[in-house]
C-alpha atoms as a PDB file:
ATOM      1  CA  MET A   1      -1.491  11.753   3.798  1.00  0.00           C
ATOM      2  CA  GLU A   2      -4.166  11.723   1.120  1.00  0.00           C
ATOM      3  CA  VAL A   3      -3.652   9.604  -2.008  1.00  0.00           C
ATOM      4  CA  GLN A   4      -5.914   9.872  -5.044  1.00  0.00           C
ATOM      5  CA  THR A   5      -5.935   6.669  -7.069  1.00  0.00           C
ATOM      6  CA  SER A   6      -6.884   6.521 -10.737  1.00  0.00           C
ATOM      7  CA  LYS A   7      -7.638   2.854 -11.482  1.00  0.00           C
ATOM      8  CA  GLU A   8      -9.645  -0.002 -10.009  1.00  0.00           C
ATOM      9  CA  THR A   9      -6.425  -1.802  -9.080  1.00  0.00           C
ATOM     10  CA  GLU A  10      -3.007  -0.183  -9.058  1.00  0.00           C
ATOM     11  CA  LEU A  11       0.210   0.226  -7.124  1.00  0.00           C
ATOM     12  CA  VAL A  12       0.947   3.813  -6.105  1.00  0.00           C
ATOM     13  CA  ASP A  13       4.526   4.525  -4.999  1.00  0.00           C
ATOM     14  CA  ILE A  14       4.311   6.660  -1.848  1.00  0.00           C
ATOM     15  CA  THR A  15       7.979   6.342  -0.825  1.00  0.00           C
ATOM     16  CA  GLU A  16       8.951   9.968  -1.439  1.00  0.00           C
ATOM     17  CA  ARG A  17       5.940  11.258   0.472  1.00  0.00           C
ATOM     18  CA  VAL A  18       6.801   9.011   3.427  1.00  0.00           C
ATOM     19  CA  LYS A  19      10.418  10.243   3.280  1.00  0.00           C
ATOM     20  CA  GLY A  20       9.110  13.803   3.367  1.00  0.00           C
ATOM     21  CA  SER A  21       7.188  13.045   6.560  1.00  0.00           C
ATOM     22  CA  ILE A  22      10.375  11.810   8.219  1.00  0.00           C
ATOM     23  CA  GLU A  23      12.394  14.836   7.097  1.00  0.00           C
ATOM     24  CA  SER A  24       9.763  17.241   8.417  1.00  0.00           C
ATOM     25  CA  GLU A  25       9.933  15.561  11.846  1.00  0.00           C
ATOM     26  CA  ASN A  26      13.767  15.707  12.083  1.00  0.00           C
ATOM     27  CA  VAL A  27      13.997  12.078  13.221  1.00  0.00           C
ATOM     28  CA  ASN A  28      17.483  10.611  13.283  1.00  0.00           C
ATOM     29  CA  ASN A  29      16.713   7.046  14.435  1.00  0.00           C
ATOM     30  CA  GLY A  30      13.451   5.226  15.078  1.00  0.00           C
ATOM     31  CA  PHE A  31      10.650   3.528  13.207  1.00  0.00           C
ATOM     32  CA  CYS A  32       8.076   4.579  10.665  1.00  0.00           C
ATOM     33  CA  VAL A  33       4.706   2.839  10.488  1.00  0.00           C
ATOM     34  CA  VAL A  34       2.769   3.306   7.252  1.00  0.00           C
ATOM     35  CA  PHE A  35      -0.890   2.289   7.690  1.00  0.00           C
ATOM     36  CA  SER A  36      -3.877   2.356   5.354  1.00  0.00           C
ATOM     37  CA  LYS A  37      -7.228   3.180   6.932  1.00  0.00           C
ATOM     38  CA  HIS A  38      -9.185   1.191   4.330  1.00  0.00           C
ATOM     39  CA  THR A  39     -10.343  -2.417   4.033  1.00  0.00           C
ATOM     40  CA  THR A  40      -9.883  -2.485   0.259  1.00  0.00           C
ATOM     41  CA  THR A  41      -6.260  -1.345   0.050  1.00  0.00           C
ATOM     42  CA  GLY A  42      -2.917  -2.780   1.039  1.00  0.00           C
ATOM     43  CA  ILE A  43       0.486  -1.403   1.964  1.00  0.00           C
ATOM     44  CA  ILE A  44       3.499  -3.316   0.643  1.00  0.00           C
ATOM     45  CA  ILE A  45       7.229  -2.943   0.063  1.00  0.00           C
ATOM     46  CA  ASN A  46       8.616  -4.119  -3.250  1.00  0.00           C
ATOM     47  CA  GLU A  47      10.492  -3.006  -6.354  1.00  0.00           C
ATOM     48  CA  ASN A  48       9.055  -0.188  -8.469  1.00  0.00           C
ATOM     49  CA  GLU A  49       9.480  -1.900 -11.822  1.00  0.00           C
ATOM     50  CA  PRO A  50       6.528  -1.712 -14.248  1.00  0.00           C
ATOM     51  CA  ARG A  51       6.520  -5.383 -15.272  1.00  0.00           C
ATOM     52  CA  LEU A  52       6.797  -6.548 -11.670  1.00  0.00           C
ATOM     53  CA  LYS A  53       3.944  -4.261 -10.664  1.00  0.00           C
ATOM     54  CA  GLU A  54       1.823  -5.830 -13.407  1.00  0.00           C
ATOM     55  CA  ASP A  55       2.891  -9.295 -12.217  1.00  0.00           C
ATOM     56  CA  ILE A  56       1.726  -8.430  -8.686  1.00  0.00           C
ATOM     57  CA  LEU A  57      -1.691  -7.339  -9.953  1.00  0.00           C
ATOM     58  CA  ASN A  58      -1.954 -10.467 -12.128  1.00  0.00           C
ATOM     59  CA  MET A  59      -1.040 -12.645  -9.142  1.00  0.00           C
ATOM     60  CA  LEU A  60      -3.808 -11.044  -7.071  1.00  0.00           C
ATOM     61  CA  GLU A  61      -6.316 -11.705  -9.862  1.00  0.00           C
ATOM     62  CA  GLU A  62      -5.179 -15.318 -10.094  1.00  0.00           C
ATOM     63  CA  ILE A  63      -5.307 -15.964  -6.344  1.00  0.00           C
ATOM     64  CA  VAL A  64      -8.547 -14.008  -5.729  1.00  0.00           C
ATOM     65  CA  PRO A  65     -10.451 -13.706  -9.032  1.00  0.00           C
ATOM     66  CA  SER A  66     -12.725 -10.702  -9.379  1.00  0.00           C
ATOM     67  CA  ASP A  67     -15.389 -12.689 -11.254  1.00  0.00           C
ATOM     68  CA  LYS A  68     -16.069 -15.330  -8.598  1.00  0.00           C
ATOM     69  CA  ASP A  69     -19.458 -15.507  -6.850  1.00  0.00           C
ATOM     70  CA  TYR A  70     -18.585 -14.187  -3.369  1.00  0.00           C
ATOM     71  CA  LEU A  71     -21.244 -13.802  -0.671  1.00  0.00           C
ATOM     72  CA  HIS A  72     -20.222 -10.225   0.152  1.00  0.00           C
ATOM     73  CA  ASP A  73     -20.907  -9.246  -3.473  1.00  0.00           C
ATOM     74  CA  GLU A  74     -24.621  -9.297  -2.653  1.00  0.00           C
ATOM     75  CA  ILE A  75     -23.922  -6.080  -0.700  1.00  0.00           C
ATOM     76  CA  ASP A  76     -21.535  -4.071  -2.902  1.00  0.00           C
ATOM     77  CA  SER A  77     -19.683  -6.259  -5.447  1.00  0.00           C
ATOM     78  CA  ASN A  78     -16.195  -5.767  -4.021  1.00  0.00           C
ATOM     79  CA  ALA A  79     -15.531  -8.924  -2.004  1.00  0.00           C
ATOM     80  CA  HIS A  80     -12.438  -9.660  -4.095  1.00  0.00           C
ATOM     81  CA  SER A  81     -10.976  -6.311  -3.004  1.00  0.00           C
ATOM     82  CA  HIS A  82     -11.477  -7.105   0.677  1.00  0.00           C
ATOM     83  CA  LEU A  83     -10.008 -10.602   0.291  1.00  0.00           C
ATOM     84  CA  ARG A  84      -6.971  -9.316  -1.597  1.00  0.00           C
ATOM     85  CA  SER A  85      -6.289  -6.733   1.106  1.00  0.00           C
ATOM     86  CA  ILE A  86      -6.140  -9.529   3.683  1.00  0.00           C
ATOM     87  CA  LEU A  87      -3.301 -11.124   1.703  1.00  0.00           C
ATOM     88  CA  LEU A  88      -1.348  -7.856   1.431  1.00  0.00           C
ATOM     89  CA  GLY A  89      -1.851  -6.391   4.888  1.00  0.00           C
ATOM     90  CA  SER A  90      -2.658  -2.842   5.863  1.00  0.00           C
ATOM     91  CA  SER A  91       0.716  -1.639   7.159  1.00  0.00           C
ATOM     92  CA  VAL A  92       4.490  -1.861   7.044  1.00  0.00           C
ATOM     93  CA  VAL A  93       7.158  -0.854   9.555  1.00  0.00           C
ATOM     94  CA  VAL A  94      10.422   0.609   8.272  1.00  0.00           C
ATOM     95  CA  PRO A  95      13.429   1.480  10.434  1.00  0.00           C
ATOM     96  CA  ILE A  96      14.764   5.028  10.325  1.00  0.00           C
ATOM     97  CA  GLU A  97      18.548   5.200  10.480  1.00  0.00           C
ATOM     98  CA  ASN A  98      20.600   8.393  10.276  1.00  0.00           C
ATOM     99  CA  GLY A  99      17.534  10.398   9.300  1.00  0.00           C
ATOM    100  CA  SER A 100      16.519   8.168   6.367  1.00  0.00           C
ATOM    101  CA  LEU A 101      14.226   5.244   5.720  1.00  0.00           C
ATOM    102  CA  SER A 102      16.316   2.093   5.922  1.00  0.00           C
ATOM    103  CA  LEU A 103      14.998   0.589   2.688  1.00  0.00           C
ATOM    104  CA  GLY A 104      16.985  -1.714   0.436  1.00  0.00           C
ATOM    105  CA  THR A 105      18.330  -0.476  -2.884  1.00  0.00           C
ATOM    106  CA  TRP A 106      15.285  -1.526  -4.892  1.00  0.00           C
ATOM    107  CA  GLN A 107      12.614  -1.214  -2.209  1.00  0.00           C
ATOM    108  CA  SER A 108       9.700   1.206  -2.458  1.00  0.00           C
ATOM    109  CA  ILE A 109       6.578   1.617  -0.349  1.00  0.00           C
ATOM    110  CA  PHE A 110       3.287   1.203  -2.198  1.00  0.00           C
ATOM    111  CA  LEU A 111      -0.343   1.842  -1.503  1.00  0.00           C
ATOM    112  CA  VAL A 112      -2.133  -0.932  -3.384  1.00  0.00           C
ATOM    113  CA  GLU A 113      -5.539   0.206  -4.571  1.00  0.00           C
ATOM    114  CA  LEU A 114      -7.974  -2.690  -4.875  1.00  0.00           C
ATOM    115  CA  ASP A 115     -11.352  -0.945  -5.268  1.00  0.00           C
ATOM    116  CA  GLY A 116     -10.721   2.350  -7.003  1.00  0.00           C
ATOM    117  CA  PRO A 117     -10.459   4.897  -8.159  1.00  0.00           C
ATOM    118  CA  ARG A 118     -10.851   6.558  -4.774  1.00  0.00           C
ATOM    119  CA  ARG A 119      -9.341   9.100  -2.405  1.00  0.00           C
ATOM    120  CA  ARG A 120      -7.418   7.200   0.277  1.00  0.00           C
ATOM    121  CA  THR A 121      -5.959   8.134   3.640  1.00  0.00           C
ATOM    122  CA  VAL A 122      -2.602   6.711   4.703  1.00  0.00           C
ATOM    123  CA  ASN A 123      -1.265   7.360   8.209  1.00  0.00           C
ATOM    124  CA  VAL A 124       2.469   7.771   8.674  1.00  0.00           C
ATOM    125  CA  SER A 125       3.446   7.399  12.330  1.00  0.00           C
ATOM    126  CA  ILE A 126       7.019   8.103  13.367  1.00  0.00           C
ATOM    127  CA  MET A 127       8.434   6.739  16.595  1.00  0.00           C
ATOM    128  CA  LYS A 128      11.714   8.078  17.952  1.00  0.00           C
END
Protein backbone atom coordinates (compact mmCIF):
# COMPACT_ATOMS: atom_id res chain seq x y z
CA MET A 1 0.00 0.00 0.00
CA GLU A 2 1.12 3.55 -0.68
CA VAL A 3 0.89 6.15 2.10
CA GLN A 4 1.41 9.85 1.47
CA THR A 5 2.56 11.66 4.60
CA SER A 6 2.12 15.39 5.15
CA LYS A 7 4.52 16.33 7.96
CA GLU A 8 8.15 15.79 8.91
CA THR A 9 7.07 13.58 11.81
CA GLU A 10 3.60 12.15 12.23
CA LEU A 11 1.60 9.05 13.06
CA VAL A 12 -0.65 7.87 10.23
CA ASP A 13 -3.36 5.37 11.21
CA ILE A 14 -3.36 2.63 8.56
CA THR A 15 -5.58 0.16 10.45
CA GLU A 16 -8.58 0.36 8.12
CA ARG A 17 -6.41 -0.10 5.04
CA VAL A 18 -4.78 -3.17 6.59
CA LYS A 19 -8.25 -4.53 7.47
CA GLY A 20 -9.26 -4.02 3.85
CA SER A 21 -6.31 -6.12 2.70
CA ILE A 22 -7.44 -8.98 4.94
CA GLU A 23 -11.06 -8.76 3.76
CA SER A 24 -10.01 -8.83 0.11
CA GLU A 25 -8.02 -12.04 0.72
CA ASN A 26 -10.90 -13.85 2.51
CA VAL A 27 -8.63 -15.03 5.33
CA ASN A 28 -10.38 -16.57 8.31
CA ASN A 29 -7.39 -17.34 10.56
CA GLY A 30 -3.69 -16.58 10.22
CA PHE A 31 -1.25 -13.74 10.65
CA CYS A 32 -0.78 -10.34 9.09
CA VAL A 33 2.68 -8.79 8.84
CA VAL A 34 2.78 -5.03 8.27
CA PHE A 35 6.25 -3.91 7.12
CA SER A 36 7.66 -0.54 6.12
CA LYS A 37 10.24 -0.56 3.33
CA HIS A 38 11.96 2.59 4.61
CA THR A 39 14.78 3.30 7.05
CA THR A 40 13.20 6.53 8.28
CA THR A 41 9.77 5.22 9.25
CA GLY A 42 8.41 2.91 11.90
CA ILE A 43 5.39 0.66 12.28
CA ILE A 44 3.77 0.57 15.73
CA ILE A 45 0.57 -0.45 17.48
CA ASN A 46 -0.92 1.96 19.98
CA GLU A 47 -4.01 4.01 20.79
CA ASN A 48 -5.25 6.57 18.27
CA GLU A 49 -5.72 9.41 20.72
CA PRO A 50 -4.43 12.85 19.66
CA ARG A 51 -2.68 13.74 22.93
CA LEU A 52 -1.01 10.33 23.13
CA LYS A 53 0.16 10.64 19.54
CA GLU A 54 1.72 14.00 20.42
CA ASP A 55 3.30 12.43 23.52
CA ILE A 56 4.87 9.72 21.34
CA LEU A 57 6.38 12.31 19.01
CA ASN A 58 7.63 14.36 21.98
CA MET A 59 9.19 11.23 23.50
CA LEU A 60 11.05 10.53 20.25
CA GLU A 61 12.37 14.11 20.20
CA GLU A 62 13.49 13.79 23.81
CA ILE A 63 15.22 10.43 23.35
CA VAL A 64 16.74 11.26 19.93
CA PRO A 65 16.89 15.06 19.52
CA SER A 66 16.76 16.36 15.98
CA ASP A 67 19.26 19.15 16.71
CA LYS A 68 22.17 16.99 17.87
CA ASP A 69 25.40 16.82 15.85
CA TYR A 70 25.17 13.31 14.35
CA LEU A 71 27.85 11.98 12.00
CA HIS A 72 25.33 10.85 9.38
CA ASP A 73 24.06 14.44 9.12
CA GLU A 74 27.15 15.25 7.06
CA ILE A 75 25.46 13.23 4.28
CA ASP A 76 21.78 14.26 4.40
CA SER A 77 20.78 15.76 7.78
CA ASN A 78 18.36 13.02 8.81
CA ALA A 79 20.34 10.86 11.25
CA HIS A 80 17.74 11.46 13.95
CA SER A 81 15.10 9.90 11.68
CA HIS A 82 17.17 6.76 11.16
CA LEU A 83 17.93 6.45 14.88
CA ARG A 84 14.28 6.91 15.85
CA SER A 85 13.21 4.20 13.41
CA ILE A 86 15.56 1.76 15.14
CA LEU A 87 13.67 2.35 18.40
CA LEU A 88 10.26 1.83 16.78
CA GLY A 89 10.96 -1.08 14.46
CA SER A 90 9.88 -1.58 10.89
CA SER A 91 7.10 -4.16 11.31
CA VAL A 92 4.36 -5.63 13.45
CA VAL A 93 2.63 -9.02 13.37
CA VAL A 94 -1.08 -9.20 14.15
CA PRO A 95 -3.11 -12.41 14.44
CA ILE A 96 -6.16 -12.82 12.24
CA GLU A 97 -9.05 -14.54 14.00
CA ASN A 98 -12.47 -15.17 12.47
CA GLY A 99 -11.64 -12.97 9.50
CA SER A 100 -10.60 -9.92 11.54
CA LEU A 101 -7.43 -8.41 12.93
CA SER A 102 -7.14 -9.51 16.54
CA LEU A 103 -6.39 -6.04 17.90
CA GLY A 104 -7.32 -4.86 21.37
CA THR A 105 -10.16 -2.39 21.87
CA TRP A 106 -7.95 0.69 21.67
CA GLN A 107 -5.22 -0.62 19.38
CA SER A 108 -4.50 0.86 15.96
CA ILE A 109 -1.68 0.25 13.50
CA PHE A 110 0.40 3.30 12.61
CA LEU A 111 2.99 4.20 10.05
CA VAL A 112 5.28 6.62 11.88
CA GLU A 113 6.79 9.14 9.50
CA LEU A 114 10.16 10.39 10.70
CA ASP A 115 11.57 12.19 7.64
CA GLY A 116 8.63 13.54 5.68
CA PRO A 117 6.60 14.52 4.01
CA ARG A 118 7.09 11.63 1.60
CA ARG A 119 5.31 8.88 -0.30
CA ARG A 120 5.85 5.62 1.58
CA THR A 121 5.36 1.96 0.73
CA VAL A 122 4.01 -0.43 3.35
CA ASN A 123 3.82 -4.16 2.63
CA VAL A 124 0.94 -6.14 4.09
CA SER A 125 1.65 -9.87 3.99
CA ILE A 126 -1.08 -12.30 4.99
CA MET A 127 -0.28 -15.84 6.03
CA LYS A 128 -3.04 -18.43 6.27
